[in-house]
C-alpha atoms as a PDB file:
ATOM      1  CA  MET A   1     -10.699  18.029 -49.767  1.00  0.00           C
ATOM      2  CA  SER A   2      -9.865  17.081 -46.184  1.00  0.00           C
ATOM      3  CA  MET A   3     -13.120  18.558 -44.923  1.00  0.00           C
ATOM      4  CA  ASN A   4     -15.211  16.466 -47.349  1.00  0.00           C
ATOM      5  CA  PHE A   5     -13.359  13.329 -46.298  1.00  0.00           C
ATOM      6  CA  ASP A   6     -14.073  14.060 -42.602  1.00  0.00           C
ATOM      7  CA  LYS A   7     -17.767  14.597 -43.351  1.00  0.00           C
ATOM      8  CA  ILE A   8     -17.990  11.408 -45.394  1.00  0.00           C
ATOM      9  CA  PHE A   9     -16.095   9.447 -42.729  1.00  0.00           C
ATOM     10  CA  ALA A  10     -18.351  10.793 -39.929  1.00  0.00           C
ATOM     11  CA  ALA A  11     -21.470  10.042 -41.978  1.00  0.00           C
ATOM     12  CA  GLY A  12     -20.221   6.489 -42.594  1.00  0.00           C
ATOM     13  CA  ILE A  13     -19.575   5.925 -38.882  1.00  0.00           C
ATOM     14  CA  PHE A  14     -23.001   7.334 -38.026  1.00  0.00           C
ATOM     15  CA  PHE A  15     -24.665   5.089 -40.622  1.00  0.00           C
ATOM     16  CA  MET A  16     -22.862   1.996 -39.279  1.00  0.00           C
ATOM     17  CA  LEU A  17     -23.965   2.797 -35.727  1.00  0.00           C
ATOM     18  CA  ILE A  18     -27.575   3.042 -36.892  1.00  0.00           C
ATOM     19  CA  VAL A  19     -27.325  -0.298 -38.721  1.00  0.00           C
ATOM     20  CA  ILE A  20     -25.721  -2.009 -35.698  1.00  0.00           C
ATOM     21  CA  SER A  21     -28.352  -0.568 -33.349  1.00  0.00           C
ATOM     22  CA  PHE A  22     -31.167  -1.681 -35.628  1.00  0.00           C
ATOM     23  CA  ASN A  23     -29.725  -5.201 -35.943  1.00  0.00           C
ATOM     24  CA  PHE A  24     -29.346  -5.515 -32.173  1.00  0.00           C
ATOM     25  CA  ALA A  25     -32.889  -4.250 -31.493  1.00  0.00           C
ATOM     26  CA  TYR A  26     -34.304  -6.548 -34.173  1.00  0.00           C
ATOM     27  CA  SER A  27     -32.477  -9.613 -32.849  1.00  0.00           C
ATOM     28  CA  GLN A  28     -33.679  -8.875 -29.313  1.00  0.00           C
ATOM     29  CA  ALA A  29     -37.259  -8.514 -30.547  1.00  0.00           C
ATOM     30  CA  LEU A  30     -36.999 -11.841 -32.381  1.00  0.00           C
ATOM     31  CA  LYS A  31     -35.624 -13.575 -29.288  1.00  0.00           C
ATOM     32  CA  LYS A  32     -38.372 -12.153 -27.097  1.00  0.00           C
ATOM     33  CA  SER A  33     -41.168 -13.081 -29.492  1.00  0.00           C
ATOM     34  CA  ASP A  34     -39.617 -16.522 -29.986  1.00  0.00           C
ATOM     35  CA  VAL A  35     -39.610 -17.093 -26.222  1.00  0.00           C
ATOM     36  CA  ASP A  36     -43.107 -15.670 -25.698  1.00  0.00           C
ATOM     37  CA  ARG A  37     -44.592 -17.607 -28.593  1.00  0.00           C
ATOM     38  CA  ASN A  38     -42.974 -20.896 -27.658  1.00  0.00           C
ATOM     39  CA  SER A  39     -43.032 -20.892 -23.878  1.00  0.00           C
ATOM     40  CA  GLU A  40     -45.781 -23.517 -23.944  1.00  0.00           C
ATOM     41  CA  ASN A  41     -45.259 -25.160 -27.332  1.00  0.00           C
ATOM     42  CA  CYS A  42     -41.813 -26.713 -27.392  1.00  0.00           C
ATOM     43  CA  ASP A  43     -42.436 -28.641 -30.594  1.00  0.00           C
ATOM     44  CA  GLU A  44     -41.646 -25.756 -32.944  1.00  0.00           C
ATOM     45  CA  LYS A  45     -38.148 -24.913 -34.147  1.00  0.00           C
ATOM     46  CA  MET A  46     -36.600 -22.378 -31.792  1.00  0.00           C
ATOM     47  CA  SER A  47     -33.334 -21.162 -30.365  1.00  0.00           C
ATOM     48  CA  GLN A  48     -31.569 -23.064 -27.589  1.00  0.00           C
ATOM     49  CA  THR A  49     -32.373 -20.258 -25.159  1.00  0.00           C
ATOM     50  CA  SER A  50     -36.066 -20.560 -26.005  1.00  0.00           C
ATOM     51  CA  MET A  51     -35.922 -24.335 -25.623  1.00  0.00           C
ATOM     52  CA  ASN A  52     -34.292 -23.934 -22.205  1.00  0.00           C
ATOM     53  CA  LEU A  53     -37.001 -21.510 -21.092  1.00  0.00           C
ATOM     54  CA  CYS A  54     -39.738 -23.730 -22.479  1.00  0.00           C
ATOM     55  CA  ALA A  55     -38.394 -26.748 -20.578  1.00  0.00           C
ATOM     56  CA  LYS A  56     -38.241 -24.700 -17.370  1.00  0.00           C
ATOM     57  CA  ASN A  57     -41.814 -23.449 -17.832  1.00  0.00           C
ATOM     58  CA  LYS A  58     -43.048 -27.008 -18.387  1.00  0.00           C
ATOM     59  CA  TYR A  59     -41.305 -28.088 -15.187  1.00  0.00           C
ATOM     60  CA  LEU A  60     -42.749 -25.176 -13.175  1.00  0.00           C
ATOM     61  CA  LYS A  61     -46.241 -26.055 -14.356  1.00  0.00           C
ATOM     62  CA  ALA A  62     -45.755 -29.729 -13.448  1.00  0.00           C
ATOM     63  CA  GLU A  63     -44.258 -28.775 -10.065  1.00  0.00           C
ATOM     64  CA  LYS A  64     -47.236 -26.567  -9.239  1.00  0.00           C
ATOM     65  CA  TYR A  65     -49.610 -29.447  -9.994  1.00  0.00           C
ATOM     66  CA  LEU A  66     -47.526 -31.897  -7.928  1.00  0.00           C
ATOM     67  CA  GLU A  67     -47.476 -29.535  -4.950  1.00  0.00           C
ATOM     68  CA  LYS A  68     -51.251 -29.096  -5.159  1.00  0.00           C
ATOM     69  CA  MET A  69     -51.750 -32.872  -5.267  1.00  0.00           C
ATOM     70  CA  PHE A  70     -49.422 -33.423  -2.313  1.00  0.00           C
ATOM     71  CA  GLN A  71     -51.223 -30.794  -0.228  1.00  0.00           C
ATOM     72  CA  GLU A  72     -54.543 -32.487  -1.045  1.00  0.00           C
ATOM     73  CA  ILE A  73     -53.161 -35.800   0.224  1.00  0.00           C
ATOM     74  CA  ILE A  74     -51.999 -34.180   3.465  1.00  0.00           C
ATOM     75  CA  LYS A  75     -55.358 -32.470   3.931  1.00  0.00           C
ATOM     76  CA  LYS A  76     -57.182 -35.722   3.189  1.00  0.00           C
ATOM     77  CA  GLU A  77     -55.097 -37.607   5.737  1.00  0.00           C
ATOM     78  CA  GLU A  78     -55.548 -34.963   8.417  1.00  0.00           C
ATOM     79  CA  ASN A  79     -59.332 -35.007   7.943  1.00  0.00           C
ATOM     80  CA  PHE A  80     -59.881 -38.726   7.450  1.00  0.00           C
ATOM     81  CA  PHE A  81     -62.117 -40.758   9.736  1.00  0.00           C
ATOM     82  CA  ASP A  82     -60.571 -41.184  13.170  1.00  0.00           C
ATOM     83  CA  ASP A  83     -59.880 -44.887  12.757  1.00  0.00           C
ATOM     84  CA  LYS A  84     -58.112 -44.487   9.376  1.00  0.00           C
ATOM     85  CA  LYS A  85     -56.416 -41.101   9.473  1.00  0.00           C
ATOM     86  CA  LEU A  86     -52.673 -40.843   9.870  1.00  0.00           C
ATOM     87  CA  ASP A  87     -51.332 -39.640  13.177  1.00  0.00           C
ATOM     88  CA  LYS A  88     -49.114 -36.568  13.320  1.00  0.00           C
ATOM     89  CA  GLU A  89     -45.950 -38.692  13.291  1.00  0.00           C
ATOM     90  CA  SER A  90     -47.019 -40.495  10.114  1.00  0.00           C
ATOM     91  CA  ILE A  91     -47.866 -37.200   8.387  1.00  0.00           C
ATOM     92  CA  LYS A  92     -44.450 -35.898   9.460  1.00  0.00           C
ATOM     93  CA  GLN A  93     -42.871 -39.019   7.911  1.00  0.00           C
ATOM     94  CA  LEU A  94     -44.835 -38.493   4.685  1.00  0.00           C
ATOM     95  CA  LYS A  95     -43.622 -34.888   4.470  1.00  0.00           C
ATOM     96  CA  LEU A  96     -40.037 -35.979   5.163  1.00  0.00           C
ATOM     97  CA  SER A  97     -40.182 -38.601   2.435  1.00  0.00           C
ATOM     98  CA  GLU A  98     -41.386 -35.948  -0.029  1.00  0.00           C
ATOM     99  CA  LYS A  99     -38.600 -33.597   1.050  1.00  0.00           C
ATOM    100  CA  ASN A 100     -36.024 -36.373   0.537  1.00  0.00           C
ATOM    101  CA  TRP A 101     -37.525 -37.222  -2.849  1.00  0.00           C
ATOM    102  CA  ASN A 102     -37.236 -33.548  -3.871  1.00  0.00           C
ATOM    103  CA  GLN A 103     -33.556 -33.541  -2.898  1.00  0.00           C
ATOM    104  CA  TYR A 104     -32.908 -36.788  -4.794  1.00  0.00           C
ATOM    105  CA  ARG A 105     -34.634 -35.375  -7.897  1.00  0.00           C
ATOM    106  CA  LYS A 106     -32.584 -32.172  -7.743  1.00  0.00           C
ATOM    107  CA  ASN A 107     -29.285 -34.026  -7.232  1.00  0.00           C
ATOM    108  CA  TYR A 108     -29.931 -36.503 -10.017  1.00  0.00           C
ATOM    109  CA  CYS A 109     -31.021 -33.815 -12.481  1.00  0.00           C
ATOM    110  CA  GLU A 110     -27.935 -31.758 -11.641  1.00  0.00           C
ATOM    111  CA  PHE A 111     -25.912 -34.852 -12.554  1.00  0.00           C
ATOM    112  CA  VAL A 112     -27.811 -35.160 -15.857  1.00  0.00           C
ATOM    113  CA  GLY A 113     -27.141 -31.480 -16.602  1.00  0.00           C
ATOM    114  CA  SER A 114     -23.474 -31.831 -15.679  1.00  0.00           C
ATOM    115  CA  ARG A 115     -22.975 -34.160 -18.634  1.00  0.00           C
ATOM    116  CA  PHE A 116     -23.328 -31.018 -20.778  1.00  0.00           C
ATOM    117  CA  LYS A 117     -21.122 -28.798 -18.642  1.00  0.00           C
ATOM    118  CA  GLY A 118     -20.245 -25.591 -20.456  1.00  0.00           C
ATOM    119  CA  GLY A 119     -22.853 -26.158 -23.157  1.00  0.00           C
ATOM    120  CA  SER A 120     -25.949 -24.116 -23.844  1.00  0.00           C
ATOM    121  CA  ILE A 121     -28.030 -27.313 -23.725  1.00  0.00           C
ATOM    122  CA  ARG A 122     -27.214 -27.916 -20.045  1.00  0.00           C
ATOM    123  CA  PRO A 123     -30.271 -26.013 -18.681  1.00  0.00           C
ATOM    124  CA  PHE A 124     -32.510 -27.852 -21.152  1.00  0.00           C
ATOM    125  CA  ALA A 125     -31.220 -31.231 -19.927  1.00  0.00           C
ATOM    126  CA  TYR A 126     -31.678 -30.185 -16.282  1.00  0.00           C
ATOM    127  CA  TRP A 127     -35.215 -28.779 -16.658  1.00  0.00           C
ATOM    128  CA  THR A 128     -36.342 -31.686 -18.832  1.00  0.00           C
ATOM    129  CA  CYS A 129     -35.094 -34.108 -16.188  1.00  0.00           C
ATOM    130  CA  MET A 130     -36.870 -32.138 -13.440  1.00  0.00           C
ATOM    131  CA  ASN A 131     -40.087 -32.148 -15.468  1.00  0.00           C
ATOM    132  CA  ASP A 132     -39.897 -35.898 -16.156  1.00  0.00           C
ATOM    133  CA  PHE A 133     -39.268 -36.755 -12.501  1.00  0.00           C
ATOM    134  CA  THR A 134     -42.069 -34.429 -11.394  1.00  0.00           C
ATOM    135  CA  ARG A 135     -44.587 -35.904 -13.801  1.00  0.00           C
ATOM    136  CA  ASN A 136     -43.632 -39.442 -12.759  1.00  0.00           C
ATOM    137  CA  ARG A 137     -43.997 -38.524  -9.072  1.00  0.00           C
ATOM    138  CA  THR A 138     -47.417 -37.035  -9.775  1.00  0.00           C
ATOM    139  CA  GLU A 139     -48.485 -40.338 -11.347  1.00  0.00           C
ATOM    140  CA  GLU A 140     -47.155 -42.206  -8.287  1.00  0.00           C
ATOM    141  CA  LEU A 141     -49.196 -40.022  -5.957  1.00  0.00           C
ATOM    142  CA  LYS A 142     -52.341 -40.687  -7.958  1.00  0.00           C
ATOM    143  CA  ILE A 143     -52.189 -44.241  -6.608  1.00  0.00           C
ATOM    144  CA  TYR A 144     -51.361 -43.086  -3.093  1.00  0.00           C
ATOM    145  CA  PRO A 145     -51.450 -45.985  -0.580  1.00  0.00           C
ATOM    146  CA  GLY A 146     -54.009 -44.234   1.621  1.00  0.00           C
ATOM    147  CA  ASP A 147     -56.571 -44.737  -1.129  1.00  0.00           C
ATOM    148  CA  PHE A 148     -56.481 -48.503  -0.541  1.00  0.00           C
ATOM    149  CA  LEU A 149     -57.431 -48.308   3.129  1.00  0.00           C
END
């Protein structure tokens, strides 16, 4: 009788381990597909982790575009007609102002995120703030003052 009990007990433990392993693997697969599927489309229902990643990806895309636009402005100013192009000191000032703006954006968005300290929504708040600031800055640079000269 004792031997049958040991076999049944061992089989039960083995079965539970298989079920736990399957559940873990399945949940990981769902998370991964949720993130992959929604990394660009943040309008669908998704987990908080997926929303955080989606917000970060949106920011990274906006940041890449902003950086490209800023480099085009610098290149334009360096190659402008001699009487209208910025001198090296002015270009240095433009770059410094962008660096200071980047630091302000980061500091402010860290403050926004800190309002949710300890919560899973904190990264979402931070990356959304970074994206909003970046998109607004891109719009500002579209009406860059050098275009009026």
